[in-house]
């Protein structure tokens, strides 16, 4: 399994290196009154990719916290309903053993 991950890592690294080589043309970034920034195209693409990964990860964490809170609330509701059901159920019927062992005619 470790070899499989190593091979995948090497393929991914090769993809990144070749992508960087083919997309090394300079790109000028202008935004309103800020100074013009010149970066290679691959750097701009990688920064955008990383920003997307980080934003998606943060949204995933927020969703997980929301779902955990919902699960906790629903589990509390289930516990309360089970307790209420136990409180309202009839006590078990216990028959007298004398009557069962010596039935009267």
C-alpha atoms as a PDB file:
ATOM      1  CA  UNK A   1       0.000   0.000   0.000  1.00  0.00           C
ATOM      2  CA  UNK A   2       2.891   2.343   0.770  1.00  0.00           C
ATOM      3  CA  UNK A   3       4.298   1.726  -2.709  1.00  0.00           C
ATOM      4  CA  UNK A   4       0.921   2.630  -4.218  1.00  0.00           C
ATOM      5  CA  UNK A   5       0.910   5.967  -2.358  1.00  0.00           C
ATOM      6  CA  UNK A   6       4.520   6.580  -3.358  1.00  0.00           C
ATOM      7  CA  UNK A   7       3.693   5.993  -7.022  1.00  0.00           C
ATOM      8  CA  UNK A   8       0.668   8.303  -6.810  1.00  0.00           C
ATOM      9  CA  UNK A   9       2.792  10.984  -5.131  1.00  0.00           C
ATOM     10  CA  UNK A  10       5.444  10.715  -7.816  1.00  0.00           C
ATOM     11  CA  UNK A  11       2.845  10.967 -10.601  1.00  0.00           C
ATOM     12  CA  UNK A  12       1.294  13.998  -8.917  1.00  0.00           C
ATOM     13  CA  UNK A  13       4.695  15.651  -8.471  1.00  0.00           C
ATOM     14  CA  UNK A  14       5.528  14.968 -12.130  1.00  0.00           C
ATOM     15  CA  UNK A  15       2.210  16.567 -13.140  1.00  0.00           C
ATOM     16  CA  UNK A  16       2.950  19.668 -11.077  1.00  0.00           C
ATOM     17  CA  UNK A  17       6.463  20.046 -12.496  1.00  0.00           C
ATOM     18  CA  UNK A  18       5.383  19.625 -16.125  1.00  0.00           C
ATOM     19  CA  UNK A  19       2.382  21.908 -15.615  1.00  0.00           C
ATOM     20  CA  UNK A  20       4.680  24.570 -14.186  1.00  0.00           C
ATOM     21  CA  UNK A  21       7.071  24.258 -17.115  1.00  0.00           C
ATOM     22  CA  UNK A  22       4.324  24.606 -19.740  1.00  0.00           C
ATOM     23  CA  UNK A  23       2.590  27.527 -17.978  1.00  0.00           C
ATOM     24  CA  UNK A  24       5.478  29.759 -16.969  1.00  0.00           C
ATOM     25  CA  UNK A  25       4.364  32.798 -19.019  1.00  0.00           C
ATOM     26  CA  UNK A  26       4.164  35.970 -16.904  1.00  0.00           C
ATOM     27  CA  UNK A  27       0.730  37.267 -15.978  1.00  0.00           C
ATOM     28  CA  UNK A  28       0.115  40.854 -14.825  1.00  0.00           C
ATOM     29  CA  UNK A  29      -2.451  41.265 -12.071  1.00  0.00           C
ATOM     30  CA  UNK A  30      -4.097  44.681 -11.640  1.00  0.00           C
ATOM     31  CA  UNK A  31      -6.752  45.424  -9.061  1.00  0.00           C
ATOM     32  CA  UNK A  32      -8.079  48.974  -8.795  1.00  0.00           C
ATOM     33  CA  UNK A  33      -5.302  51.208  -7.469  1.00  0.00           C
ATOM     34  CA  UNK A  34      -2.975  48.488  -6.216  1.00  0.00           C
ATOM     35  CA  UNK A  35       0.439  48.086  -7.739  1.00  0.00           C
ATOM     36  CA  UNK A  36       0.670  45.747 -10.740  1.00  0.00           C
ATOM     37  CA  UNK A  37       1.936  42.303  -9.794  1.00  0.00           C
ATOM     38  CA  UNK A  38       3.656  40.051 -12.311  1.00  0.00           C
ATOM     39  CA  UNK A  39       3.577  36.321 -11.505  1.00  0.00           C
ATOM     40  CA  UNK A  40       3.914  33.163 -13.581  1.00  0.00           C
ATOM     41  CA  UNK A  41       0.600  31.684 -14.762  1.00  0.00           C
ATOM     42  CA  UNK A  42       1.113  28.404 -12.899  1.00  0.00           C
ATOM     43  CA  UNK A  43       1.589  30.300  -9.626  1.00  0.00           C
ATOM     44  CA  UNK A  44      -1.697  32.138 -10.116  1.00  0.00           C
ATOM     45  CA  UNK A  45      -3.479  28.857 -10.880  1.00  0.00           C
ATOM     46  CA  UNK A  46      -1.966  27.099  -7.848  1.00  0.00           C
ATOM     47  CA  UNK A  47      -2.860  29.975  -5.531  1.00  0.00           C
ATOM     48  CA  UNK A  48      -6.444  29.903  -6.799  1.00  0.00           C
ATOM     49  CA  UNK A  49      -6.554  26.128  -6.330  1.00  0.00           C
ATOM     50  CA  UNK A  50      -5.225  26.352  -2.774  1.00  0.00           C
ATOM     51  CA  UNK A  51      -7.686  29.142  -1.911  1.00  0.00           C
ATOM     52  CA  UNK A  52     -10.523  26.937  -3.173  1.00  0.00           C
ATOM     53  CA  UNK A  53      -9.296  23.957  -1.171  1.00  0.00           C
ATOM     54  CA  UNK A  54      -9.012  26.038   2.023  1.00  0.00           C
ATOM     55  CA  UNK A  55     -12.452  27.645   1.605  1.00  0.00           C
ATOM     56  CA  UNK A  56     -14.066  24.277   0.860  1.00  0.00           C
ATOM     57  CA  UNK A  57     -12.337  22.723   3.880  1.00  0.00           C
ATOM     58  CA  UNK A  58     -13.558  25.485   6.180  1.00  0.00           C
ATOM     59  CA  UNK A  59     -17.108  25.095   4.867  1.00  0.00           C
ATOM     60  CA  UNK A  60     -16.830  21.349   5.476  1.00  0.00           C
ATOM     61  CA  UNK A  61     -15.727  21.916   9.069  1.00  0.00           C
ATOM     62  CA  UNK A  62     -18.626  24.325   9.667  1.00  0.00           C
ATOM     63  CA  UNK A  63     -21.078  21.793   8.189  1.00  0.00           C
ATOM     64  CA  UNK A  64     -19.653  19.020  10.364  1.00  0.00           C
ATOM     65  CA  UNK A  65     -20.105  21.131  13.534  1.00  0.00           C
ATOM     66  CA  UNK A  66     -23.669  21.934  12.498  1.00  0.00           C
ATOM     67  CA  UNK A  67     -24.459  18.263  11.891  1.00  0.00           C
ATOM     68  CA  UNK A  68     -22.887  17.205  15.210  1.00  0.00           C
ATOM     69  CA  UNK A  69     -25.015  19.777  17.027  1.00  0.00           C
ATOM     70  CA  UNK A  70     -28.137  18.470  15.254  1.00  0.00           C
ATOM     71  CA  UNK A  71     -27.229  14.867  16.117  1.00  0.00           C
ATOM     72  CA  UNK A  72     -26.711  15.786  19.778  1.00  0.00           C
ATOM     73  CA  UNK A  73     -30.050  17.598  19.899  1.00  0.00           C
ATOM     74  CA  UNK A  74     -31.866  14.634  18.298  1.00  0.00           C
ATOM     75  CA  UNK A  75     -30.172  12.141  20.651  1.00  0.00           C
ATOM     76  CA  UNK A  76     -31.325  14.243  23.619  1.00  0.00           C
ATOM     77  CA  UNK A  77     -34.868  14.210  22.239  1.00  0.00           C
ATOM     78  CA  UNK A  78     -34.723  10.420  21.879  1.00  0.00           C
ATOM     79  CA  UNK A  79     -33.463  10.030  25.479  1.00  0.00           C
ATOM     80  CA  UNK A  80     -36.240  12.288  26.784  1.00  0.00           C
ATOM     81  CA  UNK A  81     -38.921  10.419  24.816  1.00  0.00           C
ATOM     82  CA  UNK A  82     -37.643   7.024  26.019  1.00  0.00           C
ATOM     83  CA  UNK A  83     -37.661   8.275  29.621  1.00  0.00           C
ATOM     84  CA  UNK A  84     -41.206   9.557  29.183  1.00  0.00           C
ATOM     85  CA  UNK A  85     -42.254   6.213  27.680  1.00  0.00           C
ATOM     86  CA  UNK A  86     -40.738   4.313  30.638  1.00  0.00           C
ATOM     87  CA  UNK A  87     -42.499   6.619  33.097  1.00  0.00           C
ATOM     88  CA  UNK A  88     -45.897   6.008  31.494  1.00  0.00           C
ATOM     89  CA  UNK A  89     -45.734   2.267  30.876  1.00  0.00           C
ATOM     90  CA  UNK A  90     -47.686  -0.031  33.144  1.00  0.00           C
ATOM     91  CA  UNK A  91     -45.799  -1.952  35.847  1.00  0.00           C
ATOM     92  CA  UNK A  92     -45.136  -5.612  35.024  1.00  0.00           C
ATOM     93  CA  UNK A  93     -47.797  -8.089  36.042  1.00  0.00           C
ATOM     94  CA  UNK A  94     -46.617 -10.512  38.741  1.00  0.00           C
ATOM     95  CA  UNK A  95     -48.860 -13.446  39.464  1.00  0.00           C
ATOM     96  CA  UNK A  96     -48.992 -15.174  42.812  1.00  0.00           C
ATOM     97  CA  UNK A  97     -46.964 -18.421  42.646  1.00  0.00           C
ATOM     98  CA  UNK A  98     -49.303 -20.190  45.114  1.00  0.00           C
ATOM     99  CA  UNK A  99     -52.226 -19.848  42.774  1.00  0.00           C
ATOM    100  CA  UNK A 100     -50.217 -21.198  39.842  1.00  0.00           C
ATOM    101  CA  UNK A 101     -48.749 -24.226  41.679  1.00  0.00           C
ATOM    102  CA  UNK A 102     -52.004 -25.142  43.566  1.00  0.00           C
ATOM    103  CA  UNK A 103     -54.926 -24.299  41.390  1.00  0.00           C
ATOM    104  CA  UNK A 104     -58.153 -24.426  43.324  1.00  0.00           C
ATOM    105  CA  UNK A 105     -60.964 -26.635  41.924  1.00  0.00           C
END
